[in-house]
């Protein structure tokens, strides 16, 4: 039996995340790039931790450090995918590039997105329990677009900040669960087109390796070869994240369990709500690396 890895995106970072994570070369490289000495102390400031330029580098570095500390004790994953910025760490896990490259790309990605966001005040809202017809009406009425599809009736919408609170109220009046997200960038929407073009130019001359394991991208499904990989990383910046399709691809690998790498449990919960027979847990739930390894090994042994 085998397992899959999914790498968290932004939004769930908190001061006490990954309590078991040791300081290693990847953590130190991340801190140097951020110009800090203690990431845990900095993460206590919500404004610092939520800033795009900090969050994207922080989460990429922590995910890669976490996997580096777990990987020697576990078999190779049967599949990997990353949610939004988590895709950079997922590509590194799959052997496409090294941790230093992932960190550099995270910093560049954040800068490009911040620059694109400066032209328009945009943001995101989450909506669930909504029919496709209602979703279309809300988008048309308030000038919104789908940024992320998490499931059949669970999406994230992007749009102008001035329109989002009104859209949230309209969706609620029509029976949907809607919430304004604390994000200042309409990622994965056409408002990020300039950032996507800039990122594509950045990765075009870079030496990517073919993926060393099944890798599912946010915008293009399974990808393996360098030209596909480069296009997928740039494309997801201004195209919707199809997390529903990523989960379908992973489920098709017939894995015994899924391990979320990163803070919070958002991806594990999304998985468990759809694939209850295949357990998913986040490394943020555990107090030690040893406990994570025991959990995965136990599930794999039970499935043999």
Protein backbone atom coordinates (compact mmCIF):
# COMPACT_ATOMS: atom_id res chain seq x y z
CA UNK A 1 0.00 0.00 0.00
CA UNK A 2 1.05 3.61 -0.55
CA UNK A 3 0.22 7.13 0.57
CA UNK A 4 -0.03 10.58 -0.98
CA UNK A 5 1.18 14.02 0.06
CA UNK A 6 -0.76 17.27 -0.28
CA UNK A 7 0.93 20.56 0.57
CA UNK A 8 -1.02 23.35 2.27
CA UNK A 9 -1.56 26.80 0.82
CA UNK A 10 -1.83 30.16 2.57
CA UNK A 11 -4.35 31.10 5.19
CA UNK A 12 -3.91 28.53 7.95
CA UNK A 13 -0.52 29.66 9.31
CA UNK A 14 -0.44 30.22 13.08
CA UNK A 15 2.23 30.81 15.76
CA UNK A 16 2.18 27.24 17.10
CA UNK A 17 2.23 25.42 13.78
CA UNK A 18 4.40 22.35 13.31
CA UNK A 19 5.58 22.17 16.94
CA UNK A 20 7.80 19.18 16.18
CA UNK A 21 9.76 20.83 13.36
CA UNK A 22 13.49 21.09 14.03
CA UNK A 23 15.69 23.87 12.71
CA UNK A 24 17.62 22.55 9.71
CA UNK A 25 19.35 23.88 6.60
CA UNK A 26 16.05 24.55 4.83
CA UNK A 27 14.64 26.48 7.79
CA UNK A 28 17.83 28.52 8.04
CA UNK A 29 17.79 29.26 4.30
CA UNK A 30 14.17 30.37 4.58
CA UNK A 31 14.99 32.67 7.50
CA UNK A 32 17.91 34.22 5.62
CA UNK A 33 15.66 34.91 2.63
CA UNK A 34 13.10 36.56 4.91
CA UNK A 35 15.78 38.50 6.80
CA UNK A 36 14.78 37.06 10.18
CA UNK A 37 16.41 34.99 12.92
CA UNK A 38 13.39 33.25 14.46
CA UNK A 39 10.39 32.40 12.29
CA UNK A 40 8.31 31.31 15.26
CA UNK A 41 8.67 34.70 16.93
CA UNK A 42 7.75 36.47 13.70
CA UNK A 43 4.73 34.23 13.14
CA UNK A 44 3.21 35.55 16.38
CA UNK A 45 2.51 38.79 14.51
CA UNK A 46 -0.56 38.10 12.33
CA UNK A 47 0.22 41.07 10.10
CA UNK A 48 3.70 39.75 9.38
CA UNK A 49 2.57 36.16 8.87
CA UNK A 50 -0.28 37.20 6.60
CA UNK A 51 1.79 39.44 4.36
CA UNK A 52 2.07 37.81 0.95
CA UNK A 53 5.82 38.35 0.61
CA UNK A 54 6.44 36.62 3.94
CA UNK A 55 3.76 33.94 3.85
CA UNK A 56 4.69 32.40 0.50
CA UNK A 57 8.37 31.99 1.43
CA UNK A 58 7.54 30.89 4.98
CA UNK A 59 5.08 28.19 3.95
CA UNK A 60 7.28 26.88 1.15
CA UNK A 61 10.26 26.62 3.48
CA UNK A 62 8.35 24.99 6.32
CA UNK A 63 6.72 22.42 4.04
CA UNK A 64 10.05 21.41 2.54
CA UNK A 65 11.77 21.27 5.92
CA UNK A 66 8.93 19.14 7.29
CA UNK A 67 9.11 16.68 4.41
CA UNK A 68 12.92 16.52 4.58
CA UNK A 69 12.65 15.48 8.22
CA UNK A 70 9.98 12.85 7.53
CA UNK A 71 11.09 11.43 4.18
CA UNK A 72 14.02 9.28 5.43
CA UNK A 73 11.58 7.29 7.58
CA UNK A 74 8.79 6.74 5.04
CA UNK A 75 8.41 5.12 1.62
CA UNK A 76 8.21 7.36 -1.42
CA UNK A 77 4.72 8.83 -1.93
CA UNK A 78 2.55 7.44 -4.70
CA UNK A 79 1.31 10.95 -5.56
CA UNK A 80 1.84 14.57 -4.59
CA UNK A 81 -0.05 17.82 -5.12
CA UNK A 82 0.13 21.33 -3.68
CA UNK A 83 -2.63 23.86 -3.04
CA UNK A 84 -1.86 27.28 -4.56
CA UNK A 85 1.61 28.32 -3.35
CA UNK A 86 1.92 24.81 -1.91
CA UNK A 87 2.50 23.68 -5.46
CA UNK A 88 6.08 24.99 -5.30
CA UNK A 89 6.91 22.67 -2.41
CA UNK A 90 5.03 19.82 -4.10
CA UNK A 91 7.16 20.22 -7.23
CA UNK A 92 10.30 20.10 -5.08
CA UNK A 93 9.05 16.95 -3.31
CA UNK A 94 8.59 15.40 -6.76
CA UNK A 95 12.21 16.23 -7.61
CA UNK A 96 11.52 18.94 -10.19
CA UNK A 97 13.90 21.36 -8.45
CA UNK A 98 15.63 21.73 -5.08
CA UNK A 99 14.54 23.55 -1.94
CA UNK A 100 16.60 26.67 -2.65
CA UNK A 101 14.97 27.00 -6.06
CA UNK A 102 11.52 26.58 -4.54
CA UNK A 103 12.24 29.32 -2.00
CA UNK A 104 13.49 31.69 -4.68
CA UNK A 105 10.43 31.04 -6.82
CA UNK A 106 8.15 31.63 -3.84
CA UNK A 107 9.71 35.03 -3.23
CA UNK A 108 9.47 35.95 -6.90
CA UNK A 109 5.88 34.71 -7.17
CA UNK A 110 4.80 36.78 -4.17
CA UNK A 111 6.47 39.92 -5.52
CA UNK A 112 4.81 39.52 -8.91
CA UNK A 113 1.41 38.96 -7.35
CA UNK A 114 1.76 41.97 -5.05
CA UNK A 115 2.72 44.13 -8.02
CA UNK A 116 -0.29 42.94 -10.00
CA UNK A 117 -2.57 43.46 -7.01
CA UNK A 118 -1.46 47.08 -6.65
CA UNK A 119 -3.36 47.96 -9.83
CA UNK A 120 -6.72 46.90 -8.34
CA UNK A 121 -7.95 46.31 -4.79
CA UNK A 122 -9.06 42.69 -5.04
CA UNK A 123 -9.76 39.80 -2.69
CA UNK A 124 -11.42 36.41 -2.23
CA UNK A 125 -14.57 34.95 -0.68
CA UNK A 126 -15.49 31.35 0.08
CA UNK A 127 -18.86 29.90 -0.86
CA UNK A 128 -20.32 26.46 -0.16
CA UNK A 129 -23.74 24.84 -0.32
CA UNK A 130 -24.41 26.59 -3.59
CA UNK A 131 -25.84 25.37 -6.89
CA UNK A 132 -24.03 26.07 -10.15
CA UNK A 133 -26.87 28.28 -11.34
CA UNK A 134 -26.78 30.40 -8.18
CA UNK A 135 -23.01 30.61 -8.42
CA UNK A 136 -23.27 31.92 -11.97
CA UNK A 137 -25.83 34.54 -10.92
CA UNK A 138 -23.69 35.82 -8.05
CA UNK A 139 -20.61 36.00 -10.27
CA UNK A 140 -22.48 37.88 -12.99
CA UNK A 141 -24.16 40.30 -10.58
CA UNK A 142 -20.98 41.29 -8.75
CA UNK A 143 -18.30 40.79 -11.40
CA UNK A 144 -16.69 37.80 -9.69
CA UNK A 145 -14.86 34.78 -11.10
CA UNK A 146 -14.10 31.33 -9.73
CA UNK A 147 -10.60 31.20 -8.25
CA UNK A 148 -10.63 27.72 -6.66
CA UNK A 149 -12.92 24.70 -6.99
CA UNK A 150 -12.65 22.57 -3.88
CA UNK A 151 -15.66 20.36 -4.57
CA UNK A 152 -19.02 20.06 -6.25
CA UNK A 153 -20.58 22.89 -4.23
CA UNK A 154 -17.52 24.48 -2.59
CA UNK A 155 -15.65 27.26 -4.35
CA UNK A 156 -13.55 30.36 -3.75
CA UNK A 157 -14.48 33.46 -5.74
CA UNK A 158 -12.26 36.41 -6.60
CA UNK A 159 -13.23 39.98 -7.34
CA UNK A 160 -12.90 43.65 -6.50
CA UNK A 161 -12.85 44.32 -2.76
CA UNK A 162 -15.65 46.85 -3.10
CA UNK A 163 -17.98 44.15 -4.43
CA UNK A 164 -17.10 41.22 -2.18
CA UNK A 165 -19.03 42.15 1.02
CA UNK A 166 -22.17 42.70 -1.03
CA UNK A 167 -21.65 39.39 -2.81
CA UNK A 168 -21.24 37.58 0.53
CA UNK A 169 -24.53 38.99 1.79
CA UNK A 170 -26.32 38.16 -1.46
CA UNK A 171 -25.10 34.56 -1.37
CA UNK A 172 -26.20 34.19 2.26
CA UNK A 173 -29.66 35.54 1.50
CA UNK A 174 -29.98 32.83 -1.14
CA UNK A 175 -29.13 30.04 1.30
CA UNK A 176 -25.41 29.59 0.72
CA UNK A 177 -22.66 29.61 3.32
CA UNK A 178 -20.41 32.53 2.36
CA UNK A 179 -17.47 34.18 4.09
CA UNK A 180 -15.07 36.97 3.19
CA UNK A 181 -11.48 35.69 3.25
CA UNK A 182 -8.65 37.75 4.75
CA UNK A 183 -6.70 37.83 1.50
CA UNK A 184 -5.68 41.01 -0.30
CA UNK A 185 -4.96 39.36 -3.64
CA UNK A 186 -7.42 37.76 -6.07
CA UNK A 187 -5.07 34.87 -6.81
CA UNK A 188 -5.94 32.39 -9.56
CA UNK A 189 -8.03 34.95 -11.44
CA UNK A 190 -7.49 37.17 -14.51
CA UNK A 191 -6.46 40.02 -12.18
CA UNK A 192 -3.17 38.12 -11.82
CA UNK A 193 -2.47 37.87 -15.57
CA UNK A 194 0.53 40.19 -15.35
CA UNK A 195 2.00 38.10 -12.53
CA UNK A 196 1.48 34.88 -14.50
CA UNK A 197 3.32 36.32 -17.50
CA UNK A 198 6.18 37.47 -15.30
CA UNK A 199 6.46 34.08 -13.63
CA UNK A 200 6.42 32.30 -16.99
CA UNK A 201 9.33 34.48 -18.12
CA UNK A 202 11.22 33.68 -14.92
CA UNK A 203 10.93 29.89 -15.20
CA UNK A 204 11.36 29.65 -18.99
CA UNK A 205 15.20 29.46 -18.96
CA UNK A 206 15.43 27.43 -15.74
CA UNK A 207 16.54 23.80 -15.66
CA UNK A 208 13.59 21.76 -14.41
CA UNK A 209 13.81 17.98 -14.03
CA UNK A 210 11.04 15.57 -14.95
CA UNK A 211 8.79 14.72 -12.01
CA UNK A 212 10.05 11.67 -10.17
CA UNK A 213 6.58 10.61 -8.97
CA UNK A 214 2.97 11.20 -10.02
CA UNK A 215 2.46 14.96 -9.66
CA UNK A 216 -0.94 16.62 -9.97
CA UNK A 217 -0.99 20.33 -10.76
CA UNK A 218 -3.65 22.84 -9.81
CA UNK A 219 -4.44 23.98 -13.34
CA UNK A 220 -3.36 21.19 -15.70
CA UNK A 221 -3.90 17.84 -14.05
CA UNK A 222 -1.02 15.37 -13.99
CA UNK A 223 2.24 16.85 -15.27
CA UNK A 224 5.64 15.26 -15.69
CA UNK A 225 7.94 16.87 -18.28
CA UNK A 226 9.73 20.24 -17.87
CA UNK A 227 7.72 22.19 -20.49
CA UNK A 228 4.44 21.02 -18.90
CA UNK A 229 5.74 21.74 -15.41
CA UNK A 230 6.77 25.30 -16.22
CA UNK A 231 3.50 26.07 -17.95
CA UNK A 232 1.46 24.61 -15.08
CA UNK A 233 3.24 26.66 -12.39
CA UNK A 234 2.68 29.91 -14.26
CA UNK A 235 -0.83 29.07 -15.42
CA UNK A 236 -2.24 28.51 -11.93
CA UNK A 237 -1.44 32.09 -10.92
CA UNK A 238 -4.22 33.51 -13.12
CA UNK A 239 -6.36 30.40 -13.74
CA UNK A 240 -8.62 28.56 -11.29
CA UNK A 241 -7.15 25.97 -8.96
CA UNK A 242 -8.96 22.69 -9.66
CA UNK A 243 -8.38 21.10 -6.29
CA UNK A 244 -11.36 18.85 -6.87
CA UNK A 245 -9.55 17.35 -9.86
CA UNK A 246 -6.28 17.05 -7.92
CA UNK A 247 -8.10 14.98 -5.30
CA UNK A 248 -9.67 12.84 -8.01
CA UNK A 249 -6.24 12.18 -9.50
CA UNK A 250 -4.82 11.17 -6.14
CA UNK A 251 -7.82 8.95 -5.40
CA UNK A 252 -7.17 7.20 -8.69
CA UNK A 253 -3.78 6.08 -7.34
CA UNK A 254 -5.63 3.92 -4.75
CA UNK A 255 -3.58 5.25 -1.83
CA UNK A 256 -4.15 4.00 1.72
CA UNK A 257 -3.91 7.45 3.31
CA UNK A 258 -3.14 11.10 2.63
CA UNK A 259 -0.71 13.26 4.59
CA UNK A 260 -1.08 17.04 4.53
CA UNK A 261 2.23 18.88 4.85
CA UNK A 262 1.82 22.36 6.31
CA UNK A 263 -0.15 24.30 8.90
CA UNK A 264 -3.77 23.63 9.72
CA UNK A 265 -5.97 20.80 8.50
CA UNK A 266 -7.89 22.40 5.63
CA UNK A 267 -6.79 19.96 2.94
CA UNK A 268 -7.17 16.92 5.19
CA UNK A 269 -10.73 17.98 5.99
CA UNK A 270 -11.56 18.55 2.34
CA UNK A 271 -10.26 15.08 1.54
CA UNK A 272 -12.07 13.38 4.41
CA UNK A 273 -15.36 15.01 3.46
CA UNK A 274 -15.12 13.39 0.04
CA UNK A 275 -13.11 10.20 0.55
CA UNK A 276 -14.04 9.08 4.06
CA UNK A 277 -12.73 5.54 3.51
CA UNK A 278 -9.18 6.82 2.91
CA UNK A 279 -8.03 8.75 5.98
CA UNK A 280 -6.22 12.06 5.69
CA UNK A 281 -4.37 13.80 8.49
CA UNK A 282 -2.18 16.87 8.71
CA UNK A 283 1.33 16.90 10.14
CA UNK A 284 0.16 19.92 12.15
CA UNK A 285 -1.97 17.60 14.30
CA UNK A 286 1.04 15.80 15.76
CA UNK A 287 3.49 16.66 18.53
CA UNK A 288 6.46 14.77 17.11
CA UNK A 289 7.86 13.58 13.80
CA UNK A 290 7.99 10.07 15.24
CA UNK A 291 4.23 10.11 15.80
CA UNK A 292 3.64 11.09 12.18
CA UNK A 293 5.83 8.27 10.94
CA UNK A 294 4.08 5.76 13.22
CA UNK A 295 0.69 6.90 11.94
CA UNK A 296 1.57 6.48 8.28
CA UNK A 297 3.29 3.14 8.83
CA UNK A 298 0.33 1.83 10.82
CA UNK A 299 -2.14 2.73 8.07
CA UNK A 300 0.08 1.22 5.38
CA UNK A 301 0.56 -2.00 7.34
CA UNK A 302 -3.17 -2.31 7.96
CA UNK A 303 -3.80 -2.10 4.25
CA UNK A 304 -1.38 -4.85 3.25
